[in-house]
Amino acid sequence: QVQLVESGGGLVQAGGSLRLSCAASGRAFSSYAMGWFRQVLGKEREFVAAIKWSGGSTYYADSVKGRFTISRDNAKKTVYLQMNSLKPEDTAVYYCAAADSFLVSSRYYSSSYYHSWGQGTQVTVSS
């Protein structure tokens, strides 16, 4: 297991940018795939982006493709989510999560395959 702590959330105007960070502690961070999910109160948790252990493969929800970029620094045990051209509908609590790195790619889109979660960071985009 790995412990995860998100940071970087806040209030931003539509069209603005934020960069979320997720710092990991514990062993074997570099062997995990990492994902970002988001959740609005009363709705299901939604996949945003994922990245495999080497950073060579990335996956995005259609709603954020071209605006968000996921990256990782294994030496720093940190995964990032750069969010540009933010929209009010991006408002949510954002969570990072860790999964085994050798799953079938389609499984990275499902929260069911992630075994460790952070506490979340609030992102609010005003119109």
Foldseek 3Di string as FASTA:
>chain_A
DKAKAKDWADEEAAQAKIKMKIAIDDPDLLQWKKFKWWDDPPDDIFGAKIAASVRPDIDGDPVQPPFWDWGDDVVRRMIMIIGGRDDQVVWTWMKMFIAGRPDDVVCSRDPVRTDYIYPTDTHGYHD
